[in-house]
Amino acid sequence: QAGGSLRLSCAASGGSFDSYNIGWYRRAPGKEREFVATIRWSSGS
């Protein structure tokens, strides 16, 4: 429901997130894919 919370998780297999910038994107109906968030694995920024 609006105002609520949800937690997504992304797991990697066959490789590692080390030294990469990991991103979350989303696509809503009728819209183009858009950037949501990113994190630098090495620093956590």
ModelCIF file with pLDDT and N, C-alpha, C, O atoms, coordinates in Angstrom:
data_MODEL
#
_entry.id   MODEL 
#
_entity.id                         1 
_entity.type                       polymer 
_entity.pdbx_number_of_molecules   1 
#
_entity_poly.entity_id                      1 
_entity_poly.type                           'polypeptide(L)' 
_entity_poly.nstd_linkage                   no 
_entity_poly.nstd_monomer                   no 
_entity_poly.pdbx_seq_one_letter_code       QAGGSLRLSCAASGGSFDSYNIGWYRRAPGKEREFVATIRWSSGS 
_entity_poly.pdbx_seq_one_letter_code_can   QAGGSLRLSCAASGGSFDSYNIGWYRRAPGKEREFVATIRWSSGS 
_entity_poly.pdbx_strand_id                 A 
#
loop_
_entity_poly_seq.entity_id 
_entity_poly_seq.num 
_entity_poly_seq.mon_id 
_entity_poly_seq.hetero 
1 1  GLN n 
1 2  ALA n 
1 3  GLY n 
1 4  GLY n 
1 5  SER n 
1 6  LEU n 
1 7  ARG n 
1 8  LEU n 
1 9  SER n 
1 10 CYS n 
1 11 ALA n 
1 12 ALA n 
1 13 SER n 
1 14 GLY n 
1 15 GLY n 
1 16 SER n 
1 17 PHE n 
1 18 ASP n 
1 19 SER n 
1 20 TYR n 
1 21 ASN n 
1 22 ILE n 
1 23 GLY n 
1 24 TRP n 
1 25 TYR n 
1 26 ARG n 
1 27 ARG n 
1 28 ALA n 
1 29 PRO n 
1 30 GLY n 
1 31 LYS n 
1 32 GLU n 
1 33 ARG n 
1 34 GLU n 
1 35 PHE n 
1 36 VAL n 
1 37 ALA n 
1 38 THR n 
1 39 ILE n 
1 40 ARG n 
1 41 TRP n 
1 42 SER n 
1 43 SER n 
1 44 GLY n 
1 45 SER n 
#
_struct_asym.id          A 
_struct_asym.entity_id   1 
#
loop_
_ma_qa_metric.id 
_ma_qa_metric.mode 
_ma_qa_metric.name 
_ma_qa_metric.software_group_id 
_ma_qa_metric.type 
1 global pLDDT . pLDDT 
2 local  pLDDT . pLDDT 
#
_ma_qa_metric_global.metric_id      1 
_ma_qa_metric_global.metric_value   94.36 
_ma_qa_metric_global.model_id       1 
_ma_qa_metric_global.ordinal_id     1 
#
loop_
_ma_qa_metric_local.label_asym_id 
_ma_qa_metric_local.label_comp_id 
_ma_qa_metric_local.label_seq_id 
_ma_qa_metric_local.metric_id 
_ma_qa_metric_local.metric_value 
_ma_qa_metric_local.model_id 
_ma_qa_metric_local.ordinal_id 
A GLN 1  2 98.00 1 1  
A ALA 2  2 98.00 1 2  
A GLY 3  2 98.00 1 3  
A GLY 4  2 98.00 1 4  
A SER 5  2 98.00 1 5  
A LEU 6  2 98.00 1 6  
A ARG 7  2 98.00 1 7  
A LEU 8  2 98.00 1 8  
A SER 9  2 98.00 1 9  
A CYS 10 2 97.00 1 10 
A ALA 11 2 95.00 1 11 
A ALA 12 2 90.00 1 12 
A SER 13 2 89.00 1 13 
A GLY 14 2 86.00 1 14 
A GLY 15 2 83.00 1 15 
A SER 16 2 83.00 1 16 
A PHE 17 2 86.00 1 17 
A ASP 18 2 84.00 1 18 
A SER 19 2 82.00 1 19 
A TYR 20 2 90.00 1 20 
A ASN 21 2 93.00 1 21 
A ILE 22 2 95.00 1 22 
A GLY 23 2 96.00 1 23 
A TRP 24 2 98.00 1 24 
A TYR 25 2 98.00 1 25 
A ARG 26 2 98.00 1 26 
A ARG 27 2 98.00 1 27 
A ALA 28 2 97.00 1 28 
A PRO 29 2 92.00 1 29 
A GLY 30 2 93.00 1 30 
A LYS 31 2 96.00 1 31 
A GLU 32 2 96.00 1 32 
A ARG 33 2 96.00 1 33 
A GLU 34 2 97.00 1 34 
A PHE 35 2 97.00 1 35 
A VAL 36 2 98.00 1 36 
A ALA 37 2 98.00 1 37 
A THR 38 2 97.00 1 38 
A ILE 39 2 97.00 1 39 
A ARG 40 2 96.00 1 40 
A TRP 41 2 93.00 1 41 
A SER 42 2 93.00 1 42 
A SER 43 2 95.00 1 43 
A GLY 44 2 95.00 1 44 
A SER 45 2 97.00 1 45 
#
loop_
_atom_site.group_PDB 
_atom_site.id 
_atom_site.type_symbol 
_atom_site.label_atom_id 
_atom_site.label_alt_id 
_atom_site.label_comp_id 
_atom_site.label_asym_id 
_atom_site.label_entity_id 
_atom_site.label_seq_id 
_atom_site.pdbx_PDB_ins_code 
_atom_site.Cartn_x 
_atom_site.Cartn_y 
_atom_site.Cartn_z 
_atom_site.occupancy 
_atom_site.B_iso_or_equiv 
_atom_site.pdbx_formal_charge 
_atom_site.auth_seq_id 
_atom_site.auth_comp_id 
_atom_site.auth_asym_id 
_atom_site.auth_atom_id 
_atom_site.pdbx_PDB_model_num 
ATOM 1   N N  . GLN A 1 1  ? 0.830  -1.196  0.000   1.00 98.00 ? 1  GLN A N  1 
ATOM 2   C CA . GLN A 1 1  ? 0.000  0.000   0.000   1.00 98.00 ? 1  GLN A CA 1 
ATOM 3   C C  . GLN A 1 1  ? 0.867  1.249   0.000   1.00 98.00 ? 1  GLN A C  1 
ATOM 4   O O  . GLN A 1 1  ? 1.986  1.237   0.513   1.00 98.00 ? 1  GLN A O  1 
ATOM 5   N N  . ALA A 1 2  ? 0.351  2.313   -0.571  1.00 98.00 ? 2  ALA A N  1 
ATOM 6   C CA . ALA A 1 2  ? 1.079  3.577   -0.591  1.00 98.00 ? 2  ALA A CA 1 
ATOM 7   C C  . ALA A 1 2  ? 1.496  3.972   0.821   1.00 98.00 ? 2  ALA A C  1 
ATOM 8   O O  . ALA A 1 2  ? 0.717  3.880   1.769   1.00 98.00 ? 2  ALA A O  1 
ATOM 9   N N  . GLY A 1 3  ? 2.737  4.409   0.933   1.00 98.00 ? 3  GLY A N  1 
ATOM 10  C CA . GLY A 1 3  ? 3.275  4.769   2.228   1.00 98.00 ? 3  GLY A CA 1 
ATOM 11  C C  . GLY A 1 3  ? 4.012  3.632   2.904   1.00 98.00 ? 3  GLY A C  1 
ATOM 12  O O  . GLY A 1 3  ? 4.694  3.833   3.910   1.00 98.00 ? 3  GLY A O  1 
ATOM 13  N N  . GLY A 1 4  ? 3.876  2.450   2.357   1.00 98.00 ? 4  GLY A N  1 
ATOM 14  C CA . GLY A 1 4  ? 4.520  1.288   2.928   1.00 98.00 ? 4  GLY A CA 1 
ATOM 15  C C  . GLY A 1 4  ? 5.951  1.120   2.459   1.00 98.00 ? 4  GLY A C  1 
ATOM 16  O O  . GLY A 1 4  ? 6.496  1.970   1.754   1.00 98.00 ? 4  GLY A O  1 
ATOM 17  N N  . SER A 1 5  ? 6.550  0.009   2.862   1.00 98.00 ? 5  SER A N  1 
ATOM 18  C CA . SER A 1 5  ? 7.943  -0.265  2.540   1.00 98.00 ? 5  SER A CA 1 
ATOM 19  C C  . SER A 1 5  ? 8.112  -1.630  1.899   1.00 98.00 ? 5  SER A C  1 
ATOM 20  O O  . SER A 1 5  ? 7.290  -2.530  2.073   1.00 98.00 ? 5  SER A O  1 
ATOM 21  N N  . LEU A 1 6  ? 9.187  -1.754  1.164   1.00 98.00 ? 6  LEU A N  1 
ATOM 22  C CA . LEU A 1 6  ? 9.522  -3.005  0.513   1.00 98.00 ? 6  LEU A CA 1 
ATOM 23  C C  . LEU A 1 6  ? 11.037 -3.055  0.360   1.00 98.00 ? 6  LEU A C  1 
ATOM 24  O O  . LEU A 1 6  ? 11.685 -2.028  0.162   1.00 98.00 ? 6  LEU A O  1 
ATOM 25  N N  . ARG A 1 7  ? 11.585 -4.242  0.452   1.00 98.00 ? 7  ARG A N  1 
ATOM 26  C CA . ARG A 1 7  ? 13.027 -4.401  0.328   1.00 98.00 ? 7  ARG A CA 1 
ATOM 27  C C  . ARG A 1 7  ? 13.347 -5.395  -0.778  1.00 98.00 ? 7  ARG A C  1 
ATOM 28  O O  . ARG A 1 7  ? 12.931 -6.553  -0.724  1.00 98.00 ? 7  ARG A O  1 
ATOM 29  N N  . LEU A 1 8  ? 14.083 -4.939  -1.774  1.00 98.00 ? 8  LEU A N  1 
ATOM 30  C CA . LEU A 1 8  ? 14.507 -5.778  -2.872  1.00 98.00 ? 8  LEU A CA 1 
ATOM 31  C C  . LEU A 1 8  ? 15.938 -6.238  -2.658  1.00 98.00 ? 8  LEU A C  1 
ATOM 32  O O  . LEU A 1 8  ? 16.736 -5.554  -2.017  1.00 98.00 ? 8  LEU A O  1 
ATOM 33  N N  . SER A 1 9  ? 16.248 -7.396  -3.197  1.00 98.00 ? 9  SER A N  1 
ATOM 34  C CA . SER A 1 9  ? 17.599 -7.920  -3.089  1.00 98.00 ? 9  SER A CA 1 
ATOM 35  C C  . SER A 1 9  ? 18.055 -8.440  -4.442  1.00 98.00 ? 9  SER A C  1 
ATOM 36  O O  . SER A 1 9  ? 17.260 -8.981  -5.211  1.00 98.00 ? 9  SER A O  1 
ATOM 37  N N  . CYS A 1 10 ? 19.319 -8.276  -4.721  1.00 97.00 ? 10 CYS A N  1 
ATOM 38  C CA . CYS A 1 10 ? 19.913 -8.756  -5.954  1.00 97.00 ? 10 CYS A CA 1 
ATOM 39  C C  . CYS A 1 10 ? 21.094 -9.642  -5.608  1.00 97.00 ? 10 CYS A C  1 
ATOM 40  O O  . CYS A 1 10 ? 22.042 -9.200  -4.959  1.00 97.00 ? 10 CYS A O  1 
ATOM 41  N N  . ALA A 1 11 ? 21.035 -10.886 -6.038  1.00 95.00 ? 11 ALA A N  1 
ATOM 42  C CA . ALA A 1 11 ? 22.102 -11.840 -5.771  1.00 95.00 ? 11 ALA A CA 1 
ATOM 43  C C  . ALA A 1 11 ? 22.819 -12.207 -7.062  1.00 95.00 ? 11 ALA A C  1 
ATOM 44  O O  . ALA A 1 11 ? 22.191 -12.365 -8.108  1.00 95.00 ? 11 ALA A O  1 
ATOM 45  N N  . ALA A 1 12 ? 24.115 -12.337 -6.981  1.00 90.00 ? 12 ALA A N  1 
ATOM 46  C CA . ALA A 1 12 ? 24.925 -12.676 -8.145  1.00 90.00 ? 12 ALA A CA 1 
ATOM 47  C C  . ALA A 1 12 ? 25.488 -14.082 -8.011  1.00 90.00 ? 12 ALA A C  1 
ATOM 48  O O  . ALA A 1 12 ? 25.946 -14.482 -6.941  1.00 90.00 ? 12 ALA A O  1 
ATOM 49  N N  . SER A 1 13 ? 25.448 -14.822 -9.104  1.00 89.00 ? 13 SER A N  1 
ATOM 50  C CA . SER A 1 13 ? 26.041 -16.148 -9.154  1.00 89.00 ? 13 SER A CA 1 
ATOM 51  C C  . SER A 1 13 ? 26.929 -16.243 -10.383 1.00 89.00 ? 13 SER A C  1 
ATOM 52  O O  . SER A 1 13 ? 26.651 -15.619 -11.408 1.00 89.00 ? 13 SER A O  1 
ATOM 53  N N  . GLY A 1 14 ? 27.985 -17.016 -10.280 1.00 86.00 ? 14 GLY A N  1 
ATOM 54  C CA . GLY A 1 14 ? 28.903 -17.150 -11.398 1.00 86.00 ? 14 GLY A CA 1 
ATOM 55  C C  . GLY A 1 14 ? 29.866 -15.989 -11.527 1.00 86.00 ? 14 GLY A C  1 
ATOM 56  O O  . GLY A 1 14 ? 30.629 -15.913 -12.490 1.00 86.00 ? 14 GLY A O  1 
ATOM 57  N N  . GLY A 1 15 ? 29.834 -15.096 -10.573 1.00 83.00 ? 15 GLY A N  1 
ATOM 58  C CA . GLY A 1 15 ? 30.687 -13.931 -10.593 1.00 83.00 ? 15 GLY A CA 1 
ATOM 59  C C  . GLY A 1 15 ? 30.534 -13.135 -9.314  1.00 83.00 ? 15 GLY A C  1 
ATOM 60  O O  . GLY A 1 15 ? 29.832 -13.548 -8.391  1.00 83.00 ? 15 GLY A O  1 
ATOM 61  N N  . SER A 1 16 ? 31.185 -12.008 -9.267  1.00 83.00 ? 16 SER A N  1 
ATOM 62  C CA . SER A 1 16 ? 31.178 -11.181 -8.070  1.00 83.00 ? 16 SER A CA 1 
ATOM 63  C C  . SER A 1 16 ? 30.827 -9.742  -8.399  1.00 83.00 ? 16 SER A C  1 
ATOM 64  O O  . SER A 1 16 ? 30.985 -9.292  -9.534  1.00 83.00 ? 16 SER A O  1 
ATOM 65  N N  . PHE A 1 17 ? 30.349 -9.028  -7.389  1.00 86.00 ? 17 PHE A N  1 
ATOM 66  C CA . PHE A 1 17 ? 30.089 -7.601  -7.530  1.00 86.00 ? 17 PHE A CA 1 
ATOM 67  C C  . PHE A 1 17 ? 31.344 -6.777  -7.286  1.00 86.00 ? 17 PHE A C  1 
ATOM 68  O O  . PHE A 1 17 ? 31.347 -5.564  -7.501  1.00 86.00 ? 17 PHE A O  1 
ATOM 69  N N  . ASP A 1 18 ? 32.395 -7.424  -6.843  1.00 84.00 ? 18 ASP A N  1 
ATOM 70  C CA . ASP A 1 18 ? 33.631 -6.728  -6.496  1.00 84.00 ? 18 ASP A CA 1 
ATOM 71  C C  . ASP A 1 18 ? 34.115 -5.809  -7.609  1.00 84.00 ? 18 ASP A C  1 
ATOM 72  O O  . ASP A 1 18 ? 34.168 -6.194  -8.777  1.00 84.00 ? 18 ASP A O  1 
ATOM 73  N N  . SER A 1 19 ? 34.466 -4.588  -7.220  1.00 82.00 ? 19 SER A N  1 
ATOM 74  C CA . SER A 1 19 ? 35.066 -3.589  -8.108  1.00 82.00 ? 19 SER A CA 1 
ATOM 75  C C  . SER A 1 19 ? 34.102 -3.022  -9.150  1.00 82.00 ? 19 SER A C  1 
ATOM 76  O O  . SER A 1 19 ? 34.534 -2.364  -10.096 1.00 82.00 ? 19 SER A O  1 
ATOM 77  N N  . TYR A 1 20 ? 32.827 -3.266  -8.988  1.00 90.00 ? 20 TYR A N  1 
ATOM 78  C CA . TYR A 1 20 ? 31.844 -2.764  -9.938  1.00 90.00 ? 20 TYR A CA 1 
ATOM 79  C C  . TYR A 1 20 ? 30.872 -1.784  -9.296  1.00 90.00 ? 20 TYR A C  1 
ATOM 80  O O  . TYR A 1 20 ? 30.734 -1.720  -8.074  1.00 90.00 ? 20 TYR A O  1 
ATOM 81  N N  . ASN A 1 21 ? 30.209 -1.028  -10.148 1.00 93.00 ? 21 ASN A N  1 
ATOM 82  C CA . ASN A 1 21 ? 29.112 -0.172  -9.731  1.00 93.00 ? 21 ASN A CA 1 
ATOM 83  C C  . ASN A 1 21 ? 27.814 -0.907  -10.054 1.00 93.00 ? 21 ASN A C  1 
ATOM 84  O O  . ASN A 1 21 ? 27.507 -1.157  -11.220 1.00 93.00 ? 21 ASN A O  1 
ATOM 85  N N  . ILE A 1 22 ? 27.064 -1.247  -9.026  1.00 95.00 ? 22 ILE A N  1 
ATOM 86  C CA . ILE A 1 22 ? 25.831 -2.001  -9.198  1.00 95.00 ? 22 ILE A CA 1 
ATOM 87  C C  . ILE A 1 22 ? 24.657 -1.038  -9.242  1.00 95.00 ? 22 ILE A C  1 
ATOM 88  O O  . ILE A 1 22 ? 24.572 -0.109  -8.439  1.00 95.00 ? 22 ILE A O  1 
ATOM 89  N N  . GLY A 1 23 ? 23.757 -1.266  -10.184 1.00 96.00 ? 23 GLY A N  1 
ATOM 90  C CA . GLY A 1 23 ? 22.644 -0.351  -10.344 1.00 96.00 ? 23 GLY A CA 1 
ATOM 91  C C  . GLY A 1 23 ? 21.284 -1.004  -10.286 1.00 96.00 ? 23 GLY A C  1 
ATOM 92  O O  . GLY A 1 23 ? 21.133 -2.193  -10.565 1.00 96.00 ? 23 GLY A O  1 
ATOM 93  N N  . TRP A 1 24 ? 20.295 -0.206  -9.917  1.00 98.00 ? 24 TRP A N  1 
ATOM 94  C CA . TRP A 1 24 ? 18.894 -0.595  -9.972  1.00 98.00 ? 24 TRP A CA 1 
ATOM 95  C C  . TRP A 1 24 ? 18.194 0.315   -10.969 1.00 98.00 ? 24 TRP A C  1 
ATOM 96  O O  . TRP A 1 24 ? 18.335 1.537   -10.916 1.00 98.00 ? 24 TRP A O  1 
ATOM 97  N N  . TYR A 1 25 ? 17.450 -0.283  -11.867 1.00 98.00 ? 25 TYR A N  1 
ATOM 98  C CA . TYR A 1 25 ? 16.648 0.440   -12.838 1.00 98.00 ? 25 TYR A CA 1 
ATOM 99  C C  . TYR A 1 25 ? 15.219 -0.073  -12.757 1.00 98.00 ? 25 TYR A C  1 
ATOM 100 O O  . TYR A 1 25 ? 14.963 -1.130  -12.180 1.00 98.00 ? 25 TYR A O  1 
ATOM 101 N N  . ARG A 1 26 ? 14.302 0.667   -13.328 1.00 98.00 ? 26 ARG A N  1 
ATOM 102 C CA . ARG A 1 26 ? 12.917 0.222   -13.331 1.00 98.00 ? 26 ARG A CA 1 
ATOM 103 C C  . ARG A 1 26 ? 12.225 0.659   -14.608 1.00 98.00 ? 26 ARG A C  1 
ATOM 104 O O  . ARG A 1 26 ? 12.609 1.642   -15.243 1.00 98.00 ? 26 ARG A O  1 
ATOM 105 N N  . ARG A 1 27 ? 11.194 -0.096  -14.971 1.00 98.00 ? 27 ARG A N  1 
ATOM 106 C CA . ARG A 1 27 ? 10.391 0.225   -16.132 1.00 98.00 ? 27 ARG A CA 1 
ATOM 107 C C  . ARG A 1 27 ? 8.916  0.123   -15.761 1.00 98.00 ? 27 ARG A C  1 
ATOM 108 O O  . ARG A 1 27 ? 8.424  -0.942  -15.389 1.00 98.00 ? 27 ARG A O  1 
ATOM 109 N N  . ALA A 1 28 ? 8.235  1.235   -15.870 1.00 97.00 ? 28 ALA A N  1 
ATOM 110 C CA . ALA A 1 28 ? 6.807  1.278   -15.600 1.00 97.00 ? 28 ALA A CA 1 
ATOM 111 C C  . ALA A 1 28 ? 6.041  1.159   -16.913 1.00 97.00 ? 28 ALA A C  1 
ATOM 112 O O  . ALA A 1 28 ? 6.578  1.494   -17.968 1.00 97.00 ? 28 ALA A O  1 
ATOM 113 N N  . PRO A 1 29 ? 4.802  0.690   -16.869 1.00 92.00 ? 29 PRO A N  1 
ATOM 114 C CA . PRO A 1 29 ? 4.002  0.559   -18.084 1.00 92.00 ? 29 PRO A CA 1 
ATOM 115 C C  . PRO A 1 29 ? 3.901  1.883   -18.833 1.00 92.00 ? 29 PRO A C  1 
ATOM 116 O O  . PRO A 1 29 ? 3.550  2.910   -18.253 1.00 92.00 ? 29 PRO A O  1 
ATOM 117 N N  . GLY A 1 30 ? 4.210  1.849   -20.117 1.00 93.00 ? 30 GLY A N  1 
ATOM 118 C CA . GLY A 1 30 ? 4.128  3.045   -20.933 1.00 93.00 ? 30 GLY A CA 1 
ATOM 119 C C  . GLY A 1 30 ? 5.275  4.009   -20.774 1.00 93.00 ? 30 GLY A C  1 
ATOM 120 O O  . GLY A 1 30 ? 5.246  5.102   -21.340 1.00 93.00 ? 30 GLY A O  1 
ATOM 121 N N  . LYS A 1 31 ? 6.286  3.631   -20.017 1.00 96.00 ? 31 LYS A N  1 
ATOM 122 C CA . LYS A 1 31 ? 7.427  4.504   -19.796 1.00 96.00 ? 31 LYS A CA 1 
ATOM 123 C C  . LYS A 1 31 ? 8.728  3.811   -20.176 1.00 96.00 ? 31 LYS A C  1 
ATOM 124 O O  . LYS A 1 31 ? 8.805  2.585   -20.257 1.00 96.00 ? 31 LYS A O  1 
ATOM 125 N N  . GLU A 1 32 ? 9.737  4.622   -20.404 1.00 96.00 ? 32 GLU A N  1 
ATOM 126 C CA . GLU A 1 32 ? 11.056 4.081   -20.687 1.00 96.00 ? 32 GLU A CA 1 
ATOM 127 C C  . GLU A 1 32 ? 11.727 3.639   -19.390 1.00 96.00 ? 32 GLU A C  1 
ATOM 128 O O  . GLU A 1 32 ? 11.369 4.079   -18.297 1.00 96.00 ? 32 GLU A O  1 
ATOM 129 N N  . ARG A 1 33 ? 12.695 2.772   -19.543 1.00 96.00 ? 33 ARG A N  1 
ATOM 130 C CA . ARG A 1 33 ? 13.461 2.332   -18.393 1.00 96.00 ? 33 ARG A CA 1 
ATOM 131 C C  . ARG A 1 33 ? 14.184 3.533   -17.786 1.00 96.00 ? 33 ARG A C  1 
ATOM 132 O O  . ARG A 1 33 ? 14.747 4.356   -18.508 1.00 96.00 ? 33 ARG A O  1 
ATOM 133 N N  . GLU A 1 34 ? 14.165 3.629   -16.472 1.00 97.00 ? 34 GLU A N  1 
ATOM 134 C CA . GLU A 1 34 ? 14.801 4.755   -15.810 1.00 97.00 ? 34 GLU A CA 1 
ATOM 135 C C  . GLU A 1 34 ? 15.720 4.300   -14.687 1.00 97.00 ? 34 GLU A C  1 
ATOM 136 O O  . GLU A 1 34 ? 15.519 3.253   -14.073 1.00 97.00 ? 34 GLU A O  1 
ATOM 137 N N  . PHE A 1 35 ? 16.715 5.105   -14.445 1.00 97.00 ? 35 PHE A N  1 
ATOM 138 C CA . PHE A 1 35 ? 17.666 4.852   -13.384 1.00 97.00 ? 35 PHE A CA 1 
ATOM 139 C C  . PHE A 1 35 ? 17.016 5.085   -12.029 1.00 97.00 ? 35 PHE A C  1 
ATOM 140 O O  . PHE A 1 35 ? 16.227 6.016   -11.861 1.00 97.00 ? 35 PHE A O  1 
ATOM 141 N N  . VAL A 1 36 ? 17.350 4.237   -11.066 1.00 98.00 ? 36 VAL A N  1 
ATOM 142 C CA . VAL A 1 36 ? 16.815 4.359   -9.717  1.00 98.00 ? 36 VAL A CA 1 
ATOM 143 C C  . VAL A 1 36 ? 17.924 4.655   -8.712  1.00 98.00 ? 36 VAL A C  1 
ATOM 144 O O  . VAL A 1 36 ? 17.879 5.659   -8.001  1.00 98.00 ? 36 VAL A O  1 
ATOM 145 N N  . ALA A 1 37 ? 18.916 3.775   -8.661  1.00 98.00 ? 37 ALA A N  1 
ATOM 146 C CA . ALA A 1 37 ? 19.994 3.940   -7.693  1.00 98.00 ? 37 ALA A CA 1 
ATOM 147 C C  . ALA A 1 37 ? 21.215 3.148   -8.123  1.00 98.00 ? 37 ALA A C  1 
ATOM 148 O O  . ALA A 1 37 ? 21.113 2.210   -8.914  1.00 98.00 ? 37 ALA A O  1 
ATOM 149 N N  . THR A 1 38 ? 22.356 3.528   -7.603  1.00 97.00 ? 38 THR A N  1 
ATOM 150 C CA . THR A 1 38 ? 23.596 2.815   -7.885  1.00 97.00 ? 38 THR A CA 1 
ATOM 151 C C  . THR A 1 38 ? 24.485 2.826   -6.655  1.00 97.00 ? 38 THR A C  1 
ATOM 152 O O  . THR A 1 38 ? 24.393 3.723   -5.817  1.00 97.00 ? 38 THR A O  1 
ATOM 153 N N  . ILE A 1 39 ? 25.333 1.839   -6.555  1.00 97.00 ? 39 ILE A N  1 
ATOM 154 C CA . ILE A 1 39 ? 26.265 1.759   -5.443  1.00 97.00 ? 39 ILE A CA 1 
ATOM 155 C C  . ILE A 1 39 ? 27.618 1.264   -5.932  1.00 97.00 ? 39 ILE A C  1 
ATOM 156 O O  . ILE A 1 39 ? 27.702 0.318   -6.715  1.00 97.00 ? 39 ILE A O  1 
ATOM 157 N N  . ARG A 1 40 ? 28.655 1.903   -5.467  1.00 96.00 ? 40 ARG A N  1 
ATOM 158 C CA . ARG A 1 40 ? 30.006 1.487   -5.780  1.00 96.00 ? 40 ARG A CA 1 
ATOM 159 C C  . ARG A 1 40 ? 30.420 0.430   -4.765  1.00 96.00 ? 40 ARG A C  1 
ATOM 160 O O  . ARG A 1 40 ? 30.515 0.708   -3.570  1.00 96.00 ? 40 ARG A O  1 
ATOM 161 N N  . TRP A 1 41 ? 30.666 -0.780  -5.249  1.00 93.00 ? 41 TRP A N  1 
ATOM 162 C CA . TRP A 1 41 ? 30.943 -1.895  -4.364  1.00 93.00 ? 41 TRP A CA 1 
ATOM 163 C C  . TRP A 1 41 ? 32.162 -1.649  -3.482  1.00 93.00 ? 41 TRP A C  1 
ATOM 164 O O  . TRP A 1 41 ? 32.151 -1.973  -2.294  1.00 93.00 ? 41 TRP A O  1 
ATOM 165 N N  . SER A 1 42 ? 33.190 -1.087  -4.056  1.00 93.00 ? 42 SER A N  1 
ATOM 166 C CA . SER A 1 42 ? 34.441 -0.915  -3.324  1.00 93.00 ? 42 SER A CA 1 
ATOM 167 C C  . SER A 1 42 ? 34.309 0.020   -2.129  1.00 93.00 ? 42 SER A C  1 
ATOM 168 O O  . SER A 1 42 ? 34.854 -0.255  -1.060  1.00 93.00 ? 42 SER A O  1 
ATOM 169 N N  . SER A 1 43 ? 33.595 1.112   -2.303  1.00 95.00 ? 43 SER A N  1 
ATOM 170 C CA . SER A 1 43 ? 33.492 2.115   -1.250  1.00 95.00 ? 43 SER A CA 1 
ATOM 171 C C  . SER A 1 43 ? 32.139 2.158   -0.560  1.00 95.00 ? 43 SER A C  1 
ATOM 172 O O  . SER A 1 43 ? 32.032 2.621   0.575   1.00 95.00 ? 43 SER A O  1 
ATOM 173 N N  . GLY A 1 44 ? 31.111 1.679   -1.239  1.00 95.00 ? 44 GLY A N  1 
ATOM 174 C CA . GLY A 1 44 ? 29.768 1.742   -0.690  1.00 95.00 ? 44 GLY A CA 1 
ATOM 175 C C  . GLY A 1 44 ? 29.069 3.059   -0.972  1.00 95.00 ? 44 GLY A C  1 
ATOM 176 O O  . GLY A 1 44 ? 27.941 3.267   -0.525  1.00 95.00 ? 44 GLY A O  1 
ATOM 177 N N  . SER A 1 45 ? 29.712 3.941   -1.700  1.00 97.00 ? 45 SER A N  1 
ATOM 178 C CA . SER A 1 45 ? 29.096 5.217   -2.042  1.00 97.00 ? 45 SER A CA 1 
ATOM 179 C C  . SER A 1 45 ? 27.910 4.978   -2.966  1.00 97.00 ? 45 SER A C  1 
ATOM 180 O O  . SER A 1 45 ? 27.246 5.930   -3.376  1.00 97.00 ? 45 SER A O  1 
#
